[in-house]
């Protein structure tokens, strides 16, 4: 039995396994955040606060191209199941961690498993279904990213408060076992007909060496170090030099990790740009809409995680619906262009939010953003898979996921830096109006107080500080913060609108190849021998 002759019941179980794997990998990017205060309190190591996130992101991003390439070489089933197994082991070890250093290391193991699952999930869909059929299933898998963003913050807070922070990791065990078991029994083993087991070890080494400094620089810049610091500049320079070295190695490799030939395909290049830009916009909404809702609109800290629920629900609906539309029509370009235009309208609407905005305006902005971004998510996976032969489906799918992850990292870093810089300038303007505070012992003036307020990253801590101030002074400073934060969030969304504009242009440039009703095994994605998918 091959992947193309699965019975309907097997297809259902395989899709359950694929969607669970993607949900687990995506969920672990969002569920840990609300538990971190409890983790720090239990394990100490406040100086390592950001490292569990960094470790997971670093390892999951780096492993994506590797696992996609391995899937093409030795078969998808073994690689995917290995990823889920590594993820389960990492989750157990994270739950058993006794120190922050242990947690950081074990989160890296988790990230490796999650990255393997993500990179192969879309490739499995591509191997089971014809290009024409893939849309509805690709949309369902893509919707897991939105679902993870809804469930993560709330579920992490609930599990931590009700049980223990350790259970945010242990909860992965039964779900992971279900995913692993269903894939083991439902997905047949399938190895490529053309065997090329010469793995690109030199390329892998250069890829890791180039990605580690790049991702560390993006994660640390504006948080641990200033952008212009020697550390960040040094990391970025090292990353660029090593990337050049990686490109040179790949040009000579027999079976390159990321084949340079992929970049000769215009559909591949346009899709990478579009996906990169859409993910920058996606994370701008995920990061800054809850912040705006809590700090400007006065939403409770405990409910902040659910603020983006309207956006994520519309994201899920759009991803599933547009996938079905693509399967029904065989056309994907109109969906890509329409999705970006809707997302652009949503980002412009969001950039208009201010101190007087109500719940209705915020919800409408989020729904429009979610519909636009959700529509674009599955489309480019389909377009790229349709443009290449079946034997490269893992490599091209992994490349798409890699640039999606890279867009999130770069977007979060750049937007975070711009936000912090703008916030600092706006706060300085506001606090310059503040007279010296009364009450001896050298009470700070506006500039000094501004520095103290900017250090209060946790809104709950900020509220405690406000409670210790005279009411009039607290209200004045709250007003300053609202003005500065509103302006900063608006700027972040204008930048998001700019990235979506670039994505819209890319979508217009997307060349459309009719989605086939056959699985292509030829040398090129636009022709060659093909095998019909049996009913």
Protein backbone atom coordinates (compact mmCIF):
# COMPACT_ATOMS: atom_id res chain seq x y z
CA UNK A 1 0.00 0.00 0.00
CA UNK A 2 1.30 3.48 -0.87
CA UNK A 3 0.42 6.92 0.39
CA UNK A 4 -1.77 7.45 -2.67
CA UNK A 5 -4.04 4.44 -2.07
CA UNK A 6 -5.13 5.06 1.50
CA UNK A 7 -8.65 4.14 2.51
CA UNK A 8 -10.93 6.92 3.75
CA UNK A 9 -10.69 5.73 7.37
CA UNK A 10 -6.89 5.76 7.19
CA UNK A 11 -6.90 9.29 5.75
CA UNK A 12 -9.01 10.48 8.70
CA UNK A 13 -6.60 8.98 11.23
CA UNK A 14 -3.54 10.32 9.42
CA UNK A 15 -5.06 13.81 9.40
CA UNK A 16 -5.79 13.53 13.14
CA UNK A 17 -2.15 12.59 13.72
CA UNK A 18 -0.86 15.42 11.52
CA UNK A 19 -3.12 18.07 13.07
CA UNK A 20 -2.30 16.96 16.62
CA UNK A 21 1.41 17.12 15.86
CA UNK A 22 1.14 20.65 14.45
CA UNK A 23 -1.09 21.76 17.33
CA UNK A 24 1.39 20.47 19.93
CA UNK A 25 4.38 22.09 18.23
CA UNK A 26 2.58 25.43 17.77
CA UNK A 27 1.01 25.32 21.24
CA UNK A 28 4.39 25.07 22.93
CA UNK A 29 5.28 28.47 21.50
CA UNK A 30 2.32 30.07 23.31
CA UNK A 31 1.48 28.02 26.40
CA UNK A 32 4.72 28.62 28.31
CA UNK A 33 4.46 32.41 28.50
CA UNK A 34 1.77 32.60 31.20
CA UNK A 35 3.54 29.94 33.26
CA UNK A 36 6.98 31.61 33.29
CA UNK A 37 6.44 33.67 36.50
CA UNK A 38 5.62 30.43 38.38
CA UNK A 39 8.54 28.62 36.76
CA UNK A 40 10.96 31.40 37.75
CA UNK A 41 9.58 31.42 41.29
CA UNK A 42 10.09 27.65 41.58
CA UNK A 43 13.42 27.22 39.76
CA UNK A 44 14.92 30.69 40.30
CA UNK A 45 17.20 32.04 37.57
CA UNK A 46 15.43 35.27 36.64
CA UNK A 47 18.43 36.17 34.49
CA UNK A 48 17.48 33.27 32.20
CA UNK A 49 13.84 34.36 31.81
CA UNK A 50 13.86 34.55 28.01
CA UNK A 51 16.04 31.49 27.42
CA UNK A 52 13.33 28.77 27.48
CA UNK A 53 11.66 30.65 24.60
CA UNK A 54 14.96 31.20 22.82
CA UNK A 55 16.01 27.57 23.16
CA UNK A 56 12.76 26.23 21.70
CA UNK A 57 12.67 28.76 18.86
CA UNK A 58 16.34 28.25 17.98
CA UNK A 59 16.20 24.46 17.82
CA UNK A 60 12.81 24.20 16.10
CA UNK A 61 13.80 26.71 13.39
CA UNK A 62 17.19 25.16 12.67
CA UNK A 63 15.87 21.59 12.40
CA UNK A 64 13.11 22.41 9.87
CA UNK A 65 15.18 22.24 6.64
CA UNK A 66 17.09 19.20 7.94
CA UNK A 67 13.98 17.14 8.66
CA UNK A 68 12.30 18.09 5.39
CA UNK A 69 15.36 16.92 3.50
CA UNK A 70 15.54 13.68 5.51
CA UNK A 71 11.87 12.98 4.80
CA UNK A 72 12.55 13.20 1.08
CA UNK A 73 15.52 10.84 1.45
CA UNK A 74 14.28 8.09 3.78
CA UNK A 75 10.51 8.50 3.90
CA UNK A 76 8.08 10.72 5.77
CA UNK A 77 6.70 8.25 8.33
CA UNK A 78 9.96 7.46 10.13
CA UNK A 79 10.96 11.13 10.32
CA UNK A 80 7.57 12.39 11.52
CA UNK A 81 7.19 9.69 14.18
CA UNK A 82 10.76 10.38 15.37
CA UNK A 83 9.85 14.06 15.73
CA UNK A 84 6.77 13.32 17.85
CA UNK A 85 8.78 10.88 19.99
CA UNK A 86 11.54 13.46 20.57
CA UNK A 87 8.87 16.03 21.44
CA UNK A 88 7.31 13.69 24.03
CA UNK A 89 10.71 12.93 25.59
CA UNK A 90 11.51 16.65 25.70
CA UNK A 91 8.15 17.36 27.35
CA UNK A 92 8.77 14.74 30.06
CA UNK A 93 12.24 16.13 30.75
CA UNK A 94 10.91 19.73 30.87
CA UNK A 95 8.33 18.69 33.46
CA UNK A 96 11.03 17.02 35.55
CA UNK A 97 13.44 20.01 35.39
CA UNK A 98 15.00 21.03 38.70
CA UNK A 99 16.95 24.05 37.46
CA UNK A 100 16.53 26.71 34.78
CA UNK A 101 19.58 25.37 32.94
CA UNK A 102 17.93 21.95 32.72
CA UNK A 103 14.69 23.50 31.48
CA UNK A 104 16.55 25.47 28.80
CA UNK A 105 18.31 22.33 27.52
CA UNK A 106 15.15 20.23 27.57
CA UNK A 107 13.16 22.96 25.81
CA UNK A 108 15.74 22.69 23.05
CA UNK A 109 15.00 18.96 22.77
CA UNK A 110 11.31 19.80 22.63
CA UNK A 111 12.03 22.33 19.89
CA UNK A 112 13.84 19.73 17.79
CA UNK A 113 10.82 17.43 17.96
CA UNK A 114 8.38 20.26 17.26
CA UNK A 115 10.39 21.49 14.27
CA UNK A 116 10.48 18.00 12.75
CA UNK A 117 6.70 17.66 13.15
CA UNK A 118 5.99 21.07 11.62
CA UNK A 119 8.26 20.64 8.62
CA UNK A 120 6.85 17.24 7.67
CA UNK A 121 3.17 17.83 8.40
CA UNK A 122 2.46 19.77 5.21
CA UNK A 123 4.63 17.36 3.21
CA UNK A 124 2.53 14.41 4.42
CA UNK A 125 -0.61 16.19 3.20
CA UNK A 126 1.18 16.75 -0.10
CA UNK A 127 2.02 13.06 -0.43
CA UNK A 128 -1.46 11.77 0.40
CA UNK A 129 -3.55 14.08 -1.77
CA UNK A 130 -3.40 15.42 -5.31
CA UNK A 131 -2.67 19.17 -5.64
CA UNK A 132 -6.37 19.81 -6.35
CA UNK A 133 -7.47 17.97 -3.18
CA UNK A 134 -4.82 19.41 -0.88
CA UNK A 135 -6.51 22.76 -0.27
CA UNK A 136 -9.18 21.69 2.20
CA UNK A 137 -6.75 19.53 4.15
CA UNK A 138 -3.96 22.11 4.06
CA UNK A 139 -6.39 24.70 5.42
CA UNK A 140 -7.33 22.41 8.31
CA UNK A 141 -3.67 21.86 9.22
CA UNK A 142 -2.88 25.60 8.92
CA UNK A 143 -5.80 26.42 11.22
CA UNK A 144 -3.93 24.71 14.07
CA UNK A 145 -1.62 27.77 14.30
CA UNK A 146 -4.62 29.98 15.05
CA UNK A 147 -6.09 27.46 17.48
CA UNK A 148 -2.78 27.27 19.34
CA UNK A 149 -2.74 31.05 19.73
CA UNK A 150 -6.24 30.93 21.24
CA UNK A 151 -5.65 28.01 23.59
CA UNK A 152 -2.02 28.64 24.61
CA UNK A 153 -2.18 31.64 26.97
CA UNK A 154 -5.46 30.67 28.66
CA UNK A 155 -4.62 26.98 28.93
CA UNK A 156 -1.15 27.75 30.29
CA UNK A 157 -2.59 30.01 32.97
CA UNK A 158 -5.35 27.57 33.93
CA UNK A 159 -3.06 24.53 34.18
CA UNK A 160 -0.46 26.47 36.18
CA UNK A 161 -3.02 27.87 38.65
CA UNK A 162 -5.00 24.62 39.00
CA UNK A 163 -2.25 22.03 39.01
CA UNK A 164 1.39 23.04 38.50
CA UNK A 165 3.52 24.60 35.79
CA UNK A 166 4.99 21.14 35.21
CA UNK A 167 1.67 19.97 33.79
CA UNK A 168 1.88 22.36 30.84
CA UNK A 169 4.57 19.94 29.66
CA UNK A 170 3.03 16.70 30.93
CA UNK A 171 -0.20 17.45 29.04
CA UNK A 172 1.77 16.90 25.84
CA UNK A 173 2.40 13.24 26.70
CA UNK A 174 -1.09 11.74 26.12
CA UNK A 175 -1.73 13.97 23.09
CA UNK A 176 1.67 13.12 21.65
CA UNK A 177 1.08 9.41 22.18
CA UNK A 178 -2.24 9.66 20.31
CA UNK A 179 -0.52 11.45 17.41
CA UNK A 180 2.34 8.94 17.38
CA UNK A 181 0.06 5.89 17.57
CA UNK A 182 -2.32 7.03 14.84
CA UNK A 183 0.56 7.82 12.47
CA UNK A 184 2.31 4.53 13.23
CA UNK A 185 -0.72 2.40 12.35
CA UNK A 186 -2.50 4.57 9.75
CA UNK A 187 0.37 5.96 7.66
CA UNK A 188 2.07 3.32 5.51
CA UNK A 189 5.83 3.28 5.20
CA UNK A 190 6.83 4.86 1.94
CA UNK A 191 10.40 5.32 0.76
CA UNK A 192 11.34 7.32 -2.32
CA UNK A 193 11.98 5.31 -5.47
CA UNK A 194 15.17 7.25 -6.17
CA UNK A 195 17.59 6.62 -3.34
CA UNK A 196 20.18 9.23 -2.58
CA UNK A 197 21.51 8.65 0.90
CA UNK A 198 24.47 11.00 0.61
CA UNK A 199 23.52 13.43 3.34
CA UNK A 200 24.79 17.01 3.20
CA UNK A 201 26.75 17.10 6.47
CA UNK A 202 28.87 20.08 5.41
CA UNK A 203 25.75 22.03 4.50
CA UNK A 204 24.07 21.12 7.80
CA UNK A 205 27.12 22.29 9.76
CA UNK A 206 27.30 25.62 7.93
CA UNK A 207 23.54 26.10 8.22
CA UNK A 208 23.60 25.63 12.01
CA UNK A 209 26.66 27.85 12.37
CA UNK A 210 24.93 30.64 10.43
CA UNK A 211 21.47 30.33 12.02
CA UNK A 212 22.60 30.26 15.67
CA UNK A 213 24.14 33.78 15.70
CA UNK A 214 21.32 35.17 13.52
CA UNK A 215 18.50 33.85 15.72
CA UNK A 216 20.33 34.77 18.94
CA UNK A 217 20.85 38.32 17.67
CA UNK A 218 17.18 38.65 16.72
CA UNK A 219 16.03 37.29 20.06
CA UNK A 220 18.41 39.37 22.18
CA UNK A 221 18.34 42.68 20.31
CA UNK A 222 16.36 45.29 22.20
CA UNK A 223 15.92 42.96 25.19
CA UNK A 224 19.23 41.69 26.50
CA UNK A 225 21.40 44.07 24.45
CA UNK A 226 20.97 47.25 22.41
CA UNK A 227 20.87 46.85 18.62
CA UNK A 228 24.05 48.88 18.26
CA UNK A 229 25.92 46.85 20.91
CA UNK A 230 29.09 44.97 20.02
CA UNK A 231 27.39 41.67 20.85
CA UNK A 232 24.45 42.11 18.45
CA UNK A 233 26.52 43.62 15.63
CA UNK A 234 29.12 40.87 16.03
CA UNK A 235 26.45 38.14 15.89
CA UNK A 236 24.84 39.64 12.78
CA UNK A 237 28.18 40.02 10.98
CA UNK A 238 29.10 36.44 11.85
CA UNK A 239 25.69 35.26 10.59
CA UNK A 240 26.11 37.03 7.24
CA UNK A 241 29.63 35.67 6.70
CA UNK A 242 28.54 32.14 7.58
CA UNK A 243 25.46 32.39 5.34
CA UNK A 244 27.74 33.17 2.40
CA UNK A 245 29.78 30.13 3.35
CA UNK A 246 26.61 28.02 3.54
CA UNK A 247 25.53 29.16 0.06
CA UNK A 248 28.95 28.24 -1.36
CA UNK A 249 28.81 24.78 0.24
CA UNK A 250 25.29 24.15 -1.08
CA UNK A 251 26.34 24.97 -4.64
CA UNK A 252 28.83 22.06 -4.53
CA UNK A 253 26.73 19.55 -2.57
CA UNK A 254 25.44 16.39 -4.26
CA UNK A 255 22.22 16.41 -2.22
CA UNK A 256 22.04 19.93 -0.75
CA UNK A 257 20.07 20.70 2.40
CA UNK A 258 18.38 23.64 0.64
CA UNK A 259 18.95 23.14 -3.12
CA UNK A 260 19.96 26.43 -4.82
CA UNK A 261 17.83 25.32 -7.78
CA UNK A 262 14.69 26.02 -5.74
CA UNK A 263 15.39 29.74 -6.01
CA UNK A 264 15.25 29.55 -9.81
CA UNK A 265 11.51 28.96 -9.54
CA UNK A 266 9.56 32.25 -9.47
CA UNK A 267 6.59 30.69 -7.64
CA UNK A 268 8.93 29.56 -4.86
CA UNK A 269 10.57 32.99 -4.53
CA UNK A 270 7.30 34.94 -4.56
CA UNK A 271 5.77 32.56 -1.99
CA UNK A 272 8.72 32.93 0.38
CA UNK A 273 8.39 36.72 0.32
CA UNK A 274 4.62 36.58 0.85
CA UNK A 275 4.78 34.09 3.72
CA UNK A 276 7.63 35.96 5.40
CA UNK A 277 5.68 39.24 5.28
CA UNK A 278 2.37 37.76 6.41
CA UNK A 279 4.00 36.17 9.45
CA UNK A 280 5.55 39.50 10.47
CA UNK A 281 2.03 40.97 10.44
CA UNK A 282 0.58 37.94 12.24
CA UNK A 283 2.97 38.26 15.17
CA UNK A 284 2.52 42.02 15.36
CA UNK A 285 -1.16 41.37 16.08
CA UNK A 286 -0.48 38.51 18.52
CA UNK A 287 2.02 40.59 20.51
CA UNK A 288 0.61 44.13 20.47
CA UNK A 289 -3.17 43.75 20.44
CA UNK A 290 -3.26 42.14 23.94
CA UNK A 291 -0.82 44.80 25.18
CA UNK A 292 -3.04 47.59 23.82
CA UNK A 293 -6.18 45.99 25.27
CA UNK A 294 -4.68 45.71 28.75
CA UNK A 295 -2.66 48.90 29.06
CA UNK A 296 -4.90 51.30 27.13
CA UNK A 297 -8.39 49.80 27.26
CA UNK A 298 -8.02 48.52 30.83
CA UNK A 299 -8.70 44.84 30.26
CA UNK A 300 -7.74 42.52 33.12
CA UNK A 301 -4.34 40.86 33.12
CA UNK A 302 -5.89 37.40 33.51
CA UNK A 303 -8.14 37.93 30.51
CA UNK A 304 -5.52 39.39 28.21
CA UNK A 305 -4.75 35.99 26.68
CA UNK A 306 -8.30 35.76 25.35
CA UNK A 307 -8.26 39.25 23.82
CA UNK A 308 -7.09 37.94 20.44
CA UNK A 309 -9.76 35.21 20.36
CA UNK A 310 -11.91 36.98 17.70
CA UNK A 311 -8.88 37.30 15.43
CA UNK A 312 -7.84 33.70 15.87
CA UNK A 313 -11.35 32.33 15.39
CA UNK A 314 -11.69 34.27 12.14
CA UNK A 315 -8.18 33.04 11.20
CA UNK A 316 -9.25 29.41 11.70
CA UNK A 317 -12.52 29.91 9.77
CA UNK A 318 -10.71 31.63 6.89
CA UNK A 319 -7.93 29.00 6.67
CA UNK A 320 -10.41 26.12 6.52
CA UNK A 321 -12.89 27.89 4.20
CA UNK A 322 -10.36 29.17 1.68
CA UNK A 323 -8.68 25.79 1.56
CA UNK A 324 -12.00 24.26 0.53
CA UNK A 325 -12.58 27.00 -2.03
CA UNK A 326 -9.18 26.33 -3.61
CA UNK A 327 -9.92 22.61 -3.79
CA UNK A 328 -13.31 23.29 -5.36
CA UNK A 329 -12.09 25.80 -7.96
CA UNK A 330 -8.50 24.73 -8.56
CA UNK A 331 -7.48 28.40 -8.37
CA UNK A 332 -5.31 29.88 -5.64
CA UNK A 333 -4.00 33.27 -6.82
CA UNK A 334 -7.30 35.11 -6.32
CA UNK A 335 -7.44 33.81 -2.73
CA UNK A 336 -3.85 34.91 -2.07
CA UNK A 337 -4.42 38.42 -3.43
CA UNK A 338 -7.81 38.81 -1.71
CA UNK A 339 -6.42 37.60 1.61
CA UNK A 340 -3.60 40.12 1.58
CA UNK A 341 -5.94 42.97 0.62
CA UNK A 342 -8.29 42.11 3.51
CA UNK A 343 -5.31 41.84 5.88
CA UNK A 344 -4.05 45.23 4.67
CA UNK A 345 -7.43 46.79 5.39
CA UNK A 346 -7.38 45.17 8.83
CA UNK A 347 -3.88 46.44 9.65
CA UNK A 348 -4.81 49.99 8.59
CA UNK A 349 -7.95 49.79 10.74
CA UNK A 350 -5.87 48.54 13.67
CA UNK A 351 -3.40 51.42 13.23
CA UNK A 352 -6.34 53.78 13.86
CA UNK A 353 -7.03 52.44 17.36
CA UNK A 354 -6.63 55.05 20.11
CA UNK A 355 -7.44 55.77 23.74
CA UNK A 356 -11.14 56.27 22.98
CA UNK A 357 -11.60 53.05 20.97
CA UNK A 358 -14.28 50.69 22.23
CA UNK A 359 -14.56 46.92 22.33
CA UNK A 360 -16.57 46.82 19.11
CA UNK A 361 -13.90 48.64 17.12
CA UNK A 362 -11.15 46.40 18.50
CA UNK A 363 -13.10 43.21 17.74
CA UNK A 364 -13.90 44.36 14.20
CA UNK A 365 -10.21 45.11 13.54
CA UNK A 366 -9.21 41.68 14.79
CA UNK A 367 -11.83 39.85 12.76
CA UNK A 368 -10.75 41.58 9.54
CA UNK A 369 -7.06 40.89 10.26
CA UNK A 370 -7.81 37.25 11.09
CA UNK A 371 -9.83 36.69 7.92
CA UNK A 372 -7.09 38.14 5.73
CA UNK A 373 -4.15 36.37 7.33
CA UNK A 374 -6.04 33.10 7.67
CA UNK A 375 -6.85 33.10 3.96
CA UNK A 376 -3.19 33.49 2.96
CA UNK A 377 -1.76 30.80 5.26
CA UNK A 378 -2.54 27.58 3.33
CA UNK A 379 -2.38 29.07 -0.18
CA UNK A 380 1.37 29.40 -0.62
CA UNK A 381 2.07 25.87 0.62
CA UNK A 382 -0.27 24.67 -2.11
CA UNK A 383 1.28 26.88 -4.78
CA UNK A 384 4.84 25.78 -4.00
CA UNK A 385 4.03 22.07 -3.74
CA UNK A 386 2.20 22.30 -7.07
CA UNK A 387 5.26 23.85 -8.73
CA UNK A 388 7.69 21.02 -7.85
CA UNK A 389 7.84 17.25 -8.40
CA UNK A 390 6.75 14.87 -5.65
CA UNK A 391 10.33 13.84 -4.81
CA UNK A 392 11.07 17.40 -3.58
CA UNK A 393 7.86 17.98 -1.66
CA UNK A 394 9.48 17.65 1.75
CA UNK A 395 12.31 20.03 0.95
CA UNK A 396 10.06 22.74 -0.49
CA UNK A 397 7.46 22.38 2.29
CA UNK A 398 10.19 22.66 4.92
CA UNK A 399 11.61 25.73 3.19
CA UNK A 400 8.21 27.42 3.41
CA UNK A 401 7.95 26.58 7.12
CA UNK A 402 11.50 27.80 7.70
CA UNK A 403 10.79 31.22 6.18
CA UNK A 404 7.51 31.37 8.10
CA UNK A 405 9.45 30.84 11.34
CA UNK A 406 12.17 33.27 10.27
CA UNK A 407 9.51 35.90 9.53
CA UNK A 408 8.19 35.51 13.07
CA UNK A 409 11.66 35.88 14.60
CA UNK A 410 12.72 38.87 12.51
CA UNK A 411 9.31 40.51 12.74
CA UNK A 412 9.16 40.20 16.52
CA UNK A 413 12.71 41.56 16.87
CA UNK A 414 12.34 44.53 14.54
CA UNK A 415 8.84 45.49 15.69
CA UNK A 416 9.91 45.10 19.31
CA UNK A 417 12.88 47.39 18.80
CA UNK A 418 10.82 50.02 16.98
CA UNK A 419 8.10 49.80 19.62
CA UNK A 420 10.51 50.22 22.53
CA UNK A 421 12.32 53.12 20.86
CA UNK A 422 9.09 54.93 20.04
CA UNK A 423 7.69 54.25 23.48
CA UNK A 424 10.81 55.68 25.11
CA UNK A 425 10.66 58.85 22.99
CA UNK A 426 6.96 59.41 23.55
CA UNK A 427 7.29 58.82 27.27
CA UNK A 428 10.17 61.29 27.44
CA UNK A 429 7.97 63.90 25.74
CA UNK A 430 5.18 63.31 28.23
CA UNK A 431 7.34 63.17 31.36
CA UNK A 432 9.17 66.33 30.35
CA UNK A 433 5.92 68.11 31.25
CA UNK A 434 6.01 66.73 34.78
CA UNK A 435 7.37 69.07 37.52
CA UNK A 436 9.78 67.78 40.20
CA UNK A 437 7.96 65.54 42.66
CA UNK A 438 7.49 66.92 46.18
CA UNK A 439 8.78 65.16 49.25
CA UNK A 440 12.44 65.19 50.24
CA UNK A 441 15.26 62.73 49.80
CA UNK A 442 15.82 63.86 46.22
CA UNK A 443 12.52 62.64 44.76
CA UNK A 444 12.96 61.94 41.05
CA UNK A 445 11.96 64.38 38.38
CA UNK A 446 10.02 63.46 35.23
CA UNK A 447 12.99 62.02 33.34
CA UNK A 448 14.04 59.76 36.21
CA UNK A 449 10.50 58.59 36.80
CA UNK A 450 10.11 57.83 33.11
CA UNK A 451 13.12 55.51 33.31
CA UNK A 452 11.59 53.75 36.32
CA UNK A 453 8.23 53.31 34.59
CA UNK A 454 9.89 51.94 31.46
CA UNK A 455 11.52 49.24 33.59
CA UNK A 456 8.14 48.02 34.80
CA UNK A 457 7.54 45.40 32.10
CA UNK A 458 4.84 43.54 34.04
CA UNK A 459 1.49 45.41 34.08
CA UNK A 460 0.60 43.85 37.44
CA UNK A 461 3.80 45.25 38.97
CA UNK A 462 3.01 48.60 37.39
CA UNK A 463 -0.45 48.63 38.98
CA UNK A 464 1.09 47.95 42.41
CA UNK A 465 3.45 50.88 41.95
CA UNK A 466 0.53 53.11 40.95
CA UNK A 467 -1.33 52.05 44.10
CA UNK A 468 1.54 53.40 46.22
CA UNK A 469 1.40 56.84 44.56
CA UNK A 470 -0.90 59.76 45.29
CA UNK A 471 -4.05 59.23 43.15
CA UNK A 472 -3.58 62.40 41.10
CA UNK A 473 0.03 61.54 40.30
CA UNK A 474 -0.88 57.95 39.41
CA UNK A 475 -3.65 59.10 37.07
CA UNK A 476 -1.31 61.58 35.39
CA UNK A 477 1.35 58.94 34.74
CA UNK A 478 -1.27 56.43 33.54
CA UNK A 479 -2.39 59.04 31.04
CA UNK A 480 1.19 59.51 29.88
CA UNK A 481 1.61 55.77 29.40
CA UNK A 482 -1.64 55.47 27.44
CA UNK A 483 -0.63 58.26 25.07
CA UNK A 484 2.85 56.82 24.52
CA UNK A 485 1.71 53.24 24.22
CA UNK A 486 -1.10 54.10 21.79
CA UNK A 487 1.31 55.96 19.52
CA UNK A 488 3.79 53.08 19.68
CA UNK A 489 1.18 50.42 18.89
CA UNK A 490 -0.10 52.52 16.00
CA UNK A 491 3.41 52.74 14.57
CA UNK A 492 3.87 48.98 14.93
CA UNK A 493 0.72 48.39 12.90
CA UNK A 494 1.71 50.91 10.25
CA UNK A 495 4.88 48.85 9.86
CA UNK A 496 2.72 45.71 9.70
CA UNK A 497 0.65 47.42 7.00
CA UNK A 498 3.88 48.06 5.10
CA UNK A 499 4.89 44.39 5.26
CA UNK A 500 1.41 43.33 4.15
CA UNK A 501 1.66 45.76 1.23
CA UNK A 502 4.87 44.01 0.14
CA UNK A 503 3.07 40.69 0.55
CA UNK A 504 0.18 41.97 -1.57
CA UNK A 505 2.55 42.92 -4.36
CA UNK A 506 4.13 39.46 -4.13
CA UNK A 507 0.68 37.85 -4.31
CA UNK A 508 -0.10 39.80 -7.49
CA UNK A 509 3.18 38.50 -8.96
CA UNK A 510 2.32 34.88 -8.09
CA UNK A 511 2.19 32.81 -11.26
CA UNK A 512 -0.72 30.39 -11.16
CA UNK A 513 -0.39 26.84 -12.41
CA UNK A 514 -3.73 24.97 -12.48
CA UNK A 515 -3.86 22.53 -9.59
CA UNK A 516 -3.55 19.02 -10.94
CA UNK A 517 -5.79 16.03 -10.25
CA UNK A 518 -2.73 13.78 -10.31
CA UNK A 519 0.38 13.24 -8.25
CA UNK A 520 3.41 14.45 -10.24
CA UNK A 521 6.45 12.17 -10.17
CA UNK A 522 8.20 13.87 -13.07
CA UNK A 523 11.35 15.94 -13.12
CA UNK A 524 9.47 19.21 -12.99
CA UNK A 525 6.41 20.34 -11.11
CA UNK A 526 4.77 21.64 -14.28
CA UNK A 527 5.01 18.44 -16.29
CA UNK A 528 6.28 14.90 -16.39
CA UNK A 529 4.79 11.51 -15.66
CA UNK A 530 2.00 11.39 -13.17
CA UNK A 531 -0.02 8.88 -11.19
CA UNK A 532 -3.74 9.27 -10.81
CA UNK A 533 -5.18 9.32 -7.33
CA UNK A 534 -7.67 6.49 -6.97
CA UNK A 535 -11.09 7.28 -5.53
